[in-house]
Amino acid sequence: MDLSEDFKRRIEAIPVDPRDPHPFLALYLDRSVPLDEGAKAAVLVGMNTRFRQFALPFLRPIARIQILLIQCLKAILPRTAAPRLLHRLLYLGLKWFVHPQANWLILRHFHIGSELLAFVKANTGVDIPMNPLKPTALADLADNLFLHHDLNLYNFVINLNRALRDQDREVTKRDHVDYSMISDDFPIAPLPRRWLNMVDLESAIELFTPVYQFFLTDHDFWRASNSLQLDETIAIYCAQIRGDAHHLHLLNNKHPLVPLSTLKAGFRLMLHGLAAECLHFRLRQEKARQAG
C-alpha cells in the first residue's frame, strides 16, 4: 500500500465521539493550513504514538543538556569532526529504530527542498549552479546528504543574490510563473517496518540533534542550525515571485538576521520541515490552478 494512503487510513479510522473528540482527527480534517493530506496524516500518525507521548517529555530535556555539554567539549576541541561516520550512524538509526512515517517525511523533505530552490531559480532567470538532492531510499542519506542540504541553502542564497546584484535586479513578481519543477509525489522505496521501528519524527530529531552536533565541528553545527533561518528567506522569494504573501504567517522566526540559540535546534528543525511542506503544497495548488 502507498504509505501516504496508509497514514491517511490510520487517521481517518479514529472514531468520532462528540463527548471525547480526538485532537489529531480535528487537526487532520482542518484545512486552514495548506498541507499535503498524506504528509499531514504522516505527521499526526507520529504525534499519536505512545513512544512520543511517554518518551519525548524525557528525551527533550536530556537532549538539550547534551547539547550544552557537547558545546563545552567543542570549545576545547572545536575542529574534531567525522561527517561520514555521522551520516552512517544516522542512516542506521533511521533504518532500525525510526517509524516509517518519520523516514517517509525525511526523504520527502530533500525532494521538496530541491524543488523549492529550483522554483526560485527558474522564476528569477539566473544561471547559477545547483545540486538537487532527491534520495529514494534511506541508504542514499549516508552520502552526507544532511550536510549537503544545509550547504545547498547557503550556496543558493549567495549565488542567487550575487547574480542579481551583478545584473542590478531584484526578485520580482512574474506575470507567468513557471511551476514545471513542482511535483505532486516523489519516488520513495519501501521503508522498514520492524517492531523496533517505533521512534516518531519529533523524538528522532531530538535524539539525533546532539549526535549531529558531536560528529561535526562547532562551526559546522552552528552553521547547520542557522540554516533554519533561511525558511523566511526562501518563502519571501516565492512570495515575491507569486505576488502573494498568504503563507508567510506560518513561519517560525520572522527575521533571518536574528539567529536563535542552537539549544532548540531540534524543535526548530521540526518546524522547518512543516514550513517547507506548507510552501511546497501552496505551489502545487497554484500549479493546478494555472493548469485549469
C-alpha atoms as a PDB file:
ATOM      1  CA  MET A   1       0.000   0.000   0.000  1.00  0.00           C
ATOM      2  CA  ASP A   2       1.144   3.565  -0.741  1.00  0.00           C
ATOM      3  CA  LEU A   3       2.471   4.972   2.536  1.00  0.00           C
ATOM      4  CA  SER A   4       0.569   8.256   2.321  1.00  0.00           C
ATOM      5  CA  GLU A   5      -2.700   6.356   1.835  1.00  0.00           C
ATOM      6  CA  ASP A   6      -1.808   4.122   4.780  1.00  0.00           C
ATOM      7  CA  PHE A   7      -1.206   7.134   7.029  1.00  0.00           C
ATOM      8  CA  LYS A   8      -4.493   8.738   5.952  1.00  0.00           C
ATOM      9  CA  ARG A   9      -6.378   5.498   6.551  1.00  0.00           C
ATOM     10  CA  ARG A  10      -4.989   5.256  10.090  1.00  0.00           C
ATOM     11  CA  ILE A  11      -6.010   8.800  10.991  1.00  0.00           C
ATOM     12  CA  GLU A  12      -9.429   8.528   9.360  1.00  0.00           C
ATOM     13  CA  ALA A  13     -10.045   5.325  11.339  1.00  0.00           C
ATOM     14  CA  ILE A  14     -10.092   7.303  14.595  1.00  0.00           C
ATOM     15  CA  PRO A  15     -13.678   7.082  15.903  1.00  0.00           C
ATOM     16  CA  VAL A  16     -15.759  10.262  16.078  1.00  0.00           C
ATOM     17  CA  ASP A  17     -17.052  10.800  19.623  1.00  0.00           C
ATOM     18  CA  PRO A  18     -18.635  14.201  20.436  1.00  0.00           C
ATOM     19  CA  ARG A  19     -18.093  13.502  24.160  1.00  0.00           C
ATOM     20  CA  ASP A  20     -14.368  12.887  23.609  1.00  0.00           C
ATOM     21  CA  PRO A  21     -13.263  14.420  20.286  1.00  0.00           C
ATOM     22  CA  HIS A  22      -9.793  13.356  19.209  1.00  0.00           C
ATOM     23  CA  PRO A  23      -7.382  16.331  18.777  1.00  0.00           C
ATOM     24  CA  PHE A  24      -5.471  14.763  15.883  1.00  0.00           C
ATOM     25  CA  LEU A  25      -8.623  13.921  13.932  1.00  0.00           C
ATOM     26  CA  ALA A  26      -9.664  17.574  14.242  1.00  0.00           C
ATOM     27  CA  LEU A  27      -6.245  18.743  13.018  1.00  0.00           C
ATOM     28  CA  TYR A  28      -6.318  16.284  10.125  1.00  0.00           C
ATOM     29  CA  LEU A  29      -9.767  17.410   8.933  1.00  0.00           C
ATOM     30  CA  ASP A  30      -8.942  21.110   9.307  1.00  0.00           C
ATOM     31  CA  ARG A  31      -7.840  22.740   6.035  1.00  0.00           C
ATOM     32  CA  SER A  32      -6.912  26.225   7.229  1.00  0.00           C
ATOM     33  CA  VAL A  33      -3.205  25.314   6.862  1.00  0.00           C
ATOM     34  CA  PRO A  34      -2.104  24.383   3.306  1.00  0.00           C
ATOM     35  CA  LEU A  35      -0.535  20.953   3.680  1.00  0.00           C
ATOM     36  CA  ASP A  36      -0.493  17.745   1.656  1.00  0.00           C
ATOM     37  CA  GLU A  37      -3.024  15.346   3.213  1.00  0.00           C
ATOM     38  CA  GLY A  38      -0.593  12.431   3.165  1.00  0.00           C
ATOM     39  CA  ALA A  39       2.145  14.496   4.828  1.00  0.00           C
ATOM     40  CA  LYS A  40      -0.306  15.857   7.400  1.00  0.00           C
ATOM     41  CA  ALA A  41      -1.509  12.336   8.178  1.00  0.00           C
ATOM     42  CA  ALA A  42       2.094  11.124   8.489  1.00  0.00           C
ATOM     43  CA  VAL A  43       2.908  13.888  10.980  1.00  0.00           C
ATOM     44  CA  LEU A  44      -0.212  13.117  13.026  1.00  0.00           C
ATOM     45  CA  VAL A  45       0.439   9.356  12.998  1.00  0.00           C
ATOM     46  CA  GLY A  46       3.774  10.122  14.647  1.00  0.00           C
ATOM     47  CA  MET A  47       2.157  12.524  17.109  1.00  0.00           C
ATOM     48  CA  ASN A  48      -0.304   9.798  18.070  1.00  0.00           C
ATOM     49  CA  THR A  49       2.305   7.164  19.005  1.00  0.00           C
ATOM     50  CA  ARG A  50       2.822   6.002  22.572  1.00  0.00           C
ATOM     51  CA  PHE A  51       6.560   6.499  22.162  1.00  0.00           C
ATOM     52  CA  ARG A  52       6.095  10.226  21.591  1.00  0.00           C
ATOM     53  CA  GLN A  53       3.542  10.512  24.369  1.00  0.00           C
ATOM     54  CA  PHE A  54       5.668   8.873  27.053  1.00  0.00           C
ATOM     55  CA  ALA A  55       9.282   9.138  25.860  1.00  0.00           C
ATOM     56  CA  LEU A  56       9.540  12.611  24.297  1.00  0.00           C
ATOM     57  CA  PRO A  57       8.937  14.570  27.558  1.00  0.00           C
ATOM     58  CA  PHE A  58      12.044  12.841  28.988  1.00  0.00           C
ATOM     59  CA  LEU A  59      14.115  12.828  25.785  1.00  0.00           C
ATOM     60  CA  ARG A  60      13.818  16.550  25.039  1.00  0.00           C
ATOM     61  CA  PRO A  61      15.419  17.919  28.252  1.00  0.00           C
ATOM     62  CA  ILE A  62      18.098  15.202  28.151  1.00  0.00           C
ATOM     63  CA  ALA A  63      18.925  16.089  24.521  1.00  0.00           C
ATOM     64  CA  ARG A  64      19.211  19.782  25.388  1.00  0.00           C
ATOM     65  CA  ILE A  65      21.511  19.065  28.313  1.00  0.00           C
ATOM     66  CA  GLN A  66      23.652  17.010  25.920  1.00  0.00           C
ATOM     67  CA  ILE A  67      23.805  19.954  23.512  1.00  0.00           C
ATOM     68  CA  LEU A  68      25.127  22.163  26.327  1.00  0.00           C
ATOM     69  CA  LEU A  69      27.728  19.580  27.376  1.00  0.00           C
ATOM     70  CA  ILE A  70      28.887  18.989  23.812  1.00  0.00           C
ATOM     71  CA  GLN A  71      29.129  22.749  23.339  1.00  0.00           C
ATOM     72  CA  CYS A  72      31.581  22.847  26.249  1.00  0.00           C
ATOM     73  CA  LEU A  73      33.544  19.953  24.733  1.00  0.00           C
ATOM     74  CA  LYS A  74      33.662  21.680  21.338  1.00  0.00           C
ATOM     75  CA  ALA A  75      35.129  24.765  22.999  1.00  0.00           C
ATOM     76  CA  ILE A  76      38.157  22.590  23.793  1.00  0.00           C
ATOM     77  CA  LEU A  77      38.117  20.520  20.599  1.00  0.00           C
ATOM     78  CA  PRO A  78      36.438  22.844  18.055  1.00  0.00           C
ATOM     79  CA  ARG A  79      37.782  21.164  14.907  1.00  0.00           C
ATOM     80  CA  THR A  80      37.036  17.497  15.594  1.00  0.00           C
ATOM     81  CA  ALA A  81      34.607  16.079  13.037  1.00  0.00           C
ATOM     82  CA  ALA A  82      33.595  12.826  11.357  1.00  0.00           C
ATOM     83  CA  PRO A  83      30.788  13.647   8.892  1.00  0.00           C
ATOM     84  CA  ARG A  84      30.912  10.303   7.070  1.00  0.00           C
ATOM     85  CA  LEU A  85      30.634   8.352  10.319  1.00  0.00           C
ATOM     86  CA  LEU A  86      27.844  10.710  11.376  1.00  0.00           C
ATOM     87  CA  HIS A  87      25.786  10.018   8.271  1.00  0.00           C
ATOM     88  CA  ARG A  88      26.399   6.299   8.531  1.00  0.00           C
ATOM     89  CA  LEU A  89      25.104   6.342  12.116  1.00  0.00           C
ATOM     90  CA  LEU A  90      22.104   8.461  11.120  1.00  0.00           C
ATOM     91  CA  TYR A  91      21.263   6.030   8.327  1.00  0.00           C
ATOM     92  CA  LEU A  92      21.493   3.001  10.649  1.00  0.00           C
ATOM     93  CA  GLY A  93      19.446   4.742  13.332  1.00  0.00           C
ATOM     94  CA  LEU A  94      16.715   5.617  10.852  1.00  0.00           C
ATOM     95  CA  LYS A  95      16.756   2.137   9.343  1.00  0.00           C
ATOM     96  CA  TRP A  96      16.499   0.184  12.602  1.00  0.00           C
ATOM     97  CA  PHE A  97      14.626   2.374  15.070  1.00  0.00           C
ATOM     98  CA  VAL A  98      12.608   5.115  13.381  1.00  0.00           C
ATOM     99  CA  HIS A  99       8.944   4.845  12.392  1.00  0.00           C
ATOM    100  CA  PRO A 100       8.095   4.657   8.654  1.00  0.00           C
ATOM    101  CA  GLN A 101       6.137   7.938   8.894  1.00  0.00           C
ATOM    102  CA  ALA A 102       9.276   9.754  10.036  1.00  0.00           C
ATOM    103  CA  ASN A 103      11.517   8.182   7.404  1.00  0.00           C
ATOM    104  CA  TRP A 104       8.975   8.959   4.679  1.00  0.00           C
ATOM    105  CA  LEU A 105       8.790  12.615   5.714  1.00  0.00           C
ATOM    106  CA  ILE A 106      12.582  12.915   5.928  1.00  0.00           C
ATOM    107  CA  LEU A 107      13.082  11.555   2.400  1.00  0.00           C
ATOM    108  CA  ARG A 108      10.281  13.827   1.107  1.00  0.00           C
ATOM    109  CA  HIS A 109      11.988  16.829   2.652  1.00  0.00           C
ATOM    110  CA  PHE A 110      15.067  16.578   0.435  1.00  0.00           C
ATOM    111  CA  HIS A 111      12.901  16.452  -2.697  1.00  0.00           C
ATOM    112  CA  ILE A 112      10.810  19.398  -1.501  1.00  0.00           C
ATOM    113  CA  GLY A 113      13.875  21.481  -0.672  1.00  0.00           C
ATOM    114  CA  SER A 114      15.396  20.837  -4.089  1.00  0.00           C
ATOM    115  CA  GLU A 115      12.170  21.746  -5.884  1.00  0.00           C
ATOM    116  CA  LEU A 116      11.698  24.979  -3.915  1.00  0.00           C
ATOM    117  CA  LEU A 117      15.183  26.152  -4.858  1.00  0.00           C
ATOM    118  CA  ALA A 118      14.599  25.125  -8.488  1.00  0.00           C
ATOM    119  CA  PHE A 119      11.344  27.127  -8.457  1.00  0.00           C
ATOM    120  CA  VAL A 120      13.114  30.295  -7.342  1.00  0.00           C
ATOM    121  CA  LYS A 121      15.932  29.811  -9.847  1.00  0.00           C
ATOM    122  CA  ALA A 122      13.583  29.236 -12.796  1.00  0.00           C
ATOM    123  CA  ASN A 123      11.444  32.269 -11.951  1.00  0.00           C
ATOM    124  CA  THR A 124      14.318  34.667 -11.430  1.00  0.00           C
ATOM    125  CA  GLY A 125      16.062  33.697 -14.670  1.00  0.00           C
ATOM    126  CA  VAL A 126      19.531  33.458 -13.151  1.00  0.00           C
ATOM    127  CA  ASP A 127      22.158  30.963 -14.292  1.00  0.00           C
ATOM    128  CA  ILE A 128      23.649  29.514 -11.099  1.00  0.00           C
ATOM    129  CA  PRO A 129      24.938  26.015 -10.214  1.00  0.00           C
ATOM    130  CA  MET A 130      22.518  23.665  -8.462  1.00  0.00           C
ATOM    131  CA  ASN A 131      22.921  20.422  -6.535  1.00  0.00           C
ATOM    132  CA  PRO A 132      19.465  18.812  -6.276  1.00  0.00           C
ATOM    133  CA  LEU A 133      19.134  16.126  -3.602  1.00  0.00           C
ATOM    134  CA  LYS A 134      16.473  13.513  -4.383  1.00  0.00           C
ATOM    135  CA  PRO A 135      17.033  10.353  -2.318  1.00  0.00           C
ATOM    136  CA  THR A 136      14.702   7.443  -2.961  1.00  0.00           C
ATOM    137  CA  ALA A 137      15.917   5.152  -0.143  1.00  0.00           C
ATOM    138  CA  LEU A 138      17.351   5.545   3.343  1.00  0.00           C
ATOM    139  CA  ALA A 139      20.750   4.282   2.167  1.00  0.00           C
ATOM    140  CA  ASP A 140      21.055   7.404  -0.018  1.00  0.00           C
ATOM    141  CA  LEU A 141      21.230   9.535   3.139  1.00  0.00           C
ATOM    142  CA  ALA A 142      24.587   8.006   4.085  1.00  0.00           C
ATOM    143  CA  ASP A 143      26.278  10.083   1.367  1.00  0.00           C
ATOM    144  CA  ASN A 144      26.474  13.212   3.583  1.00  0.00           C
ATOM    145  CA  LEU A 145      23.027  14.330   2.408  1.00  0.00           C
ATOM    146  CA  PHE A 146      22.075  16.183   5.600  1.00  0.00           C
ATOM    147  CA  LEU A 147      25.259  18.240   5.392  1.00  0.00           C
ATOM    148  CA  HIS A 148      24.808  18.883   1.657  1.00  0.00           C
ATOM    149  CA  HIS A 149      21.229  20.037   2.312  1.00  0.00           C
ATOM    150  CA  ASP A 150      22.468  22.862   4.553  1.00  0.00           C
ATOM    151  CA  LEU A 151      25.277  23.797   2.159  1.00  0.00           C
ATOM    152  CA  ASN A 152      22.806  23.924  -0.747  1.00  0.00           C
ATOM    153  CA  LEU A 153      20.674  26.513   1.036  1.00  0.00           C
ATOM    154  CA  TYR A 154      23.552  28.835   1.821  1.00  0.00           C
ATOM    155  CA  ASN A 155      25.188  28.473  -1.583  1.00  0.00           C
ATOM    156  CA  PHE A 156      21.890  29.079  -3.345  1.00  0.00           C
ATOM    157  CA  VAL A 157      21.193  32.317  -1.447  1.00  0.00           C
ATOM    158  CA  ILE A 158      24.754  33.548  -2.028  1.00  0.00           C
ATOM    159  CA  ASN A 159      24.887  32.657  -5.726  1.00  0.00           C
ATOM    160  CA  LEU A 160      21.362  33.939  -6.443  1.00  0.00           C
ATOM    161  CA  ASN A 161      21.930  37.314  -4.849  1.00  0.00           C
ATOM    162  CA  ARG A 162      25.404  37.790  -6.318  1.00  0.00           C
ATOM    163  CA  ALA A 163      23.955  37.139  -9.767  1.00  0.00           C
ATOM    164  CA  LEU A 164      21.020  39.512  -9.182  1.00  0.00           C
ATOM    165  CA  ARG A 165      23.337  42.205  -7.818  1.00  0.00           C
ATOM    166  CA  ASP A 166      25.638  41.892 -10.829  1.00  0.00           C
ATOM    167  CA  GLN A 167      22.592  42.398 -13.084  1.00  0.00           C
ATOM    168  CA  ASP A 168      21.204  45.197 -10.872  1.00  0.00           C
ATOM    169  CA  ARG A 169      17.957  43.254 -10.408  1.00  0.00           C
ATOM    170  CA  GLU A 170      15.742  42.015  -7.574  1.00  0.00           C
ATOM    171  CA  VAL A 171      13.317  39.139  -7.142  1.00  0.00           C
ATOM    172  CA  THR A 172      10.045  40.480  -8.550  1.00  0.00           C
ATOM    173  CA  LYS A 173       6.554  39.290  -9.405  1.00  0.00           C
ATOM    174  CA  ARG A 174       6.253  37.165 -12.545  1.00  0.00           C
ATOM    175  CA  ASP A 175       3.337  37.567 -14.950  1.00  0.00           C
ATOM    176  CA  HIS A 176       3.569  33.877 -15.826  1.00  0.00           C
ATOM    177  CA  VAL A 177       5.006  31.712 -13.056  1.00  0.00           C
ATOM    178  CA  ASP A 178       6.834  28.505 -14.011  1.00  0.00           C
ATOM    179  CA  TYR A 179       5.687  25.590 -11.834  1.00  0.00           C
ATOM    180  CA  SER A 180       7.079  22.841 -14.051  1.00  0.00           C
ATOM    181  CA  MET A 181       9.582  21.636 -11.433  1.00  0.00           C
ATOM    182  CA  ILE A 182       6.954  21.174  -8.694  1.00  0.00           C
ATOM    183  CA  SER A 183       5.918  17.514  -8.253  1.00  0.00           C
ATOM    184  CA  ASP A 184       2.789  16.023  -6.722  1.00  0.00           C
ATOM    185  CA  ASP A 185       4.604  12.933  -5.462  1.00  0.00           C
ATOM    186  CA  PHE A 186       8.100  11.535  -5.052  1.00  0.00           C
ATOM    187  CA  PRO A 187       9.577   8.082  -5.798  1.00  0.00           C
ATOM    188  CA  ILE A 188      10.361   6.601  -2.382  1.00  0.00           C
ATOM    189  CA  ALA A 189      11.285   2.935  -1.929  1.00  0.00           C
ATOM    190  CA  PRO A 190       9.541   0.744   0.679  1.00  0.00           C
ATOM    191  CA  LEU A 191      10.656   1.589   4.215  1.00  0.00           C
ATOM    192  CA  PRO A 192      11.484  -0.785   7.086  1.00  0.00           C
ATOM    193  CA  ARG A 193       8.554  -1.765   9.350  1.00  0.00           C
ATOM    194  CA  ARG A 194      10.169  -3.870  12.082  1.00  0.00           C
ATOM    195  CA  TRP A 195       8.879  -3.897  15.644  1.00  0.00           C
ATOM    196  CA  LEU A 196      11.892  -1.775  16.593  1.00  0.00           C
ATOM    197  CA  ASN A 197      10.818   0.992  14.187  1.00  0.00           C
ATOM    198  CA  MET A 198       8.811   2.859  16.804  1.00  0.00           C
ATOM    199  CA  VAL A 199      10.536   6.256  17.205  1.00  0.00           C
ATOM    200  CA  ASP A 200       8.395   9.106  15.857  1.00  0.00           C
ATOM    201  CA  LEU A 201       9.789  12.023  13.828  1.00  0.00           C
ATOM    202  CA  GLU A 202       9.885  14.603  16.623  1.00  0.00           C
ATOM    203  CA  SER A 203      11.594  12.235  19.052  1.00  0.00           C
ATOM    204  CA  ALA A 204      14.069  11.122  16.366  1.00  0.00           C
ATOM    205  CA  ILE A 205      15.022  14.734  15.663  1.00  0.00           C
ATOM    206  CA  GLU A 206      15.598  15.419  19.366  1.00  0.00           C
ATOM    207  CA  LEU A 207      17.704  12.264  19.694  1.00  0.00           C
ATOM    208  CA  PHE A 208      19.786  12.871  16.586  1.00  0.00           C
ATOM    209  CA  THR A 209      20.491  16.593  17.134  1.00  0.00           C
ATOM    210  CA  PRO A 210      23.188  16.030  19.821  1.00  0.00           C
ATOM    211  CA  VAL A 211      24.660  13.242  17.676  1.00  0.00           C
ATOM    212  CA  TYR A 212      24.774  15.633  14.732  1.00  0.00           C
ATOM    213  CA  GLN A 213      26.487  18.223  16.918  1.00  0.00           C
ATOM    214  CA  PHE A 214      29.022  15.745  18.328  1.00  0.00           C
ATOM    215  CA  PHE A 215      30.280  14.496  14.952  1.00  0.00           C
ATOM    216  CA  LEU A 216      30.560  17.956  13.350  1.00  0.00           C
ATOM    217  CA  THR A 217      32.862  20.836  14.156  1.00  0.00           C
ATOM    218  CA  ASP A 218      31.410  23.571  16.330  1.00  0.00           C
ATOM    219  CA  HIS A 219      31.315  25.856  13.287  1.00  0.00           C
ATOM    220  CA  ASP A 220      29.546  23.261  11.107  1.00  0.00           C
ATOM    221  CA  PHE A 221      26.836  22.656  13.720  1.00  0.00           C
ATOM    222  CA  TRP A 222      26.357  26.396  14.264  1.00  0.00           C
ATOM    223  CA  ARG A 223      26.055  26.881  10.502  1.00  0.00           C
ATOM    224  CA  ALA A 224      23.605  23.993  10.158  1.00  0.00           C
ATOM    225  CA  SER A 225      21.442  25.350  12.986  1.00  0.00           C
ATOM    226  CA  ASN A 226      21.407  28.837  11.485  1.00  0.00           C
ATOM    227  CA  SER A 227      20.383  27.458   8.088  1.00  0.00           C
ATOM    228  CA  LEU A 228      16.914  27.164   9.637  1.00  0.00           C
ATOM    229  CA  GLN A 229      16.774  30.975   9.497  1.00  0.00           C
ATOM    230  CA  LEU A 230      16.556  30.673   5.712  1.00  0.00           C
ATOM    231  CA  ASP A 231      12.956  29.380   5.866  1.00  0.00           C
ATOM    232  CA  GLU A 232      11.859  33.015   5.826  1.00  0.00           C
ATOM    233  CA  THR A 233      14.267  33.919   3.047  1.00  0.00           C
ATOM    234  CA  ILE A 234      13.145  31.217   0.598  1.00  0.00           C
ATOM    235  CA  ALA A 235       9.472  31.816   1.433  1.00  0.00           C
ATOM    236  CA  ILE A 236       9.868  35.557   0.788  1.00  0.00           C
ATOM    237  CA  TYR A 237      11.441  34.837  -2.618  1.00  0.00           C
ATOM    238  CA  CYS A 238       8.450  32.641  -3.510  1.00  0.00           C
ATOM    239  CA  ALA A 239       6.038  35.310  -2.262  1.00  0.00           C
ATOM    240  CA  GLN A 240       7.773  37.986  -4.351  1.00  0.00           C
ATOM    241  CA  ILE A 241       7.625  35.785  -7.460  1.00  0.00           C
ATOM    242  CA  ARG A 242       3.929  34.990  -6.989  1.00  0.00           C
ATOM    243  CA  GLY A 243       2.864  38.352  -5.575  1.00  0.00           C
ATOM    244  CA  ASP A 244       1.154  36.546  -2.679  1.00  0.00           C
ATOM    245  CA  ALA A 245       2.374  36.508   0.930  1.00  0.00           C
ATOM    246  CA  HIS A 246      -0.511  34.366   2.221  1.00  0.00           C
ATOM    247  CA  HIS A 247       1.700  31.611   3.642  1.00  0.00           C
ATOM    248  CA  LEU A 248       4.298  33.780   5.427  1.00  0.00           C
ATOM    249  CA  HIS A 249       2.389  33.869   8.739  1.00  0.00           C
ATOM    250  CA  LEU A 250       3.158  30.167   9.234  1.00  0.00           C
ATOM    251  CA  LEU A 251       6.904  30.786   9.524  1.00  0.00           C
ATOM    252  CA  ASN A 252       8.628  30.479  12.871  1.00  0.00           C
ATOM    253  CA  ASN A 253      11.371  33.040  13.409  1.00  0.00           C
ATOM    254  CA  LYS A 254      10.081  36.006  11.386  1.00  0.00           C
ATOM    255  CA  HIS A 255      13.537  37.567  10.997  1.00  0.00           C
ATOM    256  CA  PRO A 256      16.508  35.802   9.353  1.00  0.00           C
ATOM    257  CA  LEU A 257      19.007  38.374  10.690  1.00  0.00           C
ATOM    258  CA  VAL A 258      18.413  37.358  14.319  1.00  0.00           C
ATOM    259  CA  PRO A 259      19.866  33.839  14.807  1.00  0.00           C
ATOM    260  CA  LEU A 260      18.298  31.751  17.543  1.00  0.00           C
ATOM    261  CA  SER A 261      20.137  29.552  20.034  1.00  0.00           C
ATOM    262  CA  THR A 262      21.281  26.085  18.949  1.00  0.00           C
ATOM    263  CA  LEU A 263      19.622  24.752  22.125  1.00  0.00           C
ATOM    264  CA  LYS A 264      16.229  24.414  20.444  1.00  0.00           C
ATOM    265  CA  ALA A 265      17.586  23.274  17.070  1.00  0.00           C
ATOM    266  CA  GLY A 266      15.632  20.001  17.253  1.00  0.00           C
ATOM    267  CA  PHE A 267      12.256  21.699  17.734  1.00  0.00           C
ATOM    268  CA  ARG A 268      13.086  24.304  15.087  1.00  0.00           C
ATOM    269  CA  LEU A 269      14.039  21.534  12.656  1.00  0.00           C
ATOM    270  CA  MET A 270      10.550  20.056  13.075  1.00  0.00           C
ATOM    271  CA  LEU A 271       9.027  23.449  12.254  1.00  0.00           C
ATOM    272  CA  HIS A 272      11.431  23.801   9.302  1.00  0.00           C
ATOM    273  CA  GLY A 273      10.101  20.582   7.780  1.00  0.00           C
ATOM    274  CA  LEU A 274       6.482  21.679   8.189  1.00  0.00           C
ATOM    275  CA  ALA A 275       7.198  25.135   6.733  1.00  0.00           C
ATOM    276  CA  ALA A 276       8.759  23.535   3.646  1.00  0.00           C
ATOM    277  CA  GLU A 277       5.790  21.156   3.270  1.00  0.00           C
ATOM    278  CA  CYS A 278       3.314  24.054   3.519  1.00  0.00           C
ATOM    279  CA  LEU A 279       5.150  26.202   0.973  1.00  0.00           C
ATOM    280  CA  HIS A 280       5.554  23.314  -1.475  1.00  0.00           C
ATOM    281  CA  PHE A 281       1.867  22.377  -1.208  1.00  0.00           C
ATOM    282  CA  ARG A 282       0.895  26.000  -1.814  1.00  0.00           C
ATOM    283  CA  LEU A 283       2.922  25.930  -5.038  1.00  0.00           C
ATOM    284  CA  ARG A 284       1.241  22.652  -6.006  1.00  0.00           C
ATOM    285  CA  GLN A 285      -2.153  24.304  -5.564  1.00  0.00           C
ATOM    286  CA  GLU A 286      -1.111  27.244  -7.738  1.00  0.00           C
ATOM    287  CA  LYS A 287       0.270  24.882 -10.368  1.00  0.00           C
ATOM    288  CA  ALA A 288      -3.043  23.009 -10.525  1.00  0.00           C
ATOM    289  CA  ARG A 289      -4.969  26.304 -10.674  1.00  0.00           C
ATOM    290  CA  GLN A 290      -2.755  27.551 -13.504  1.00  0.00           C
ATOM    291  CA  ALA A 291      -3.368  24.314 -15.425  1.00  0.00           C
ATOM    292  CA  GLY A 292      -7.116  24.888 -15.115  1.00  0.00           C
END
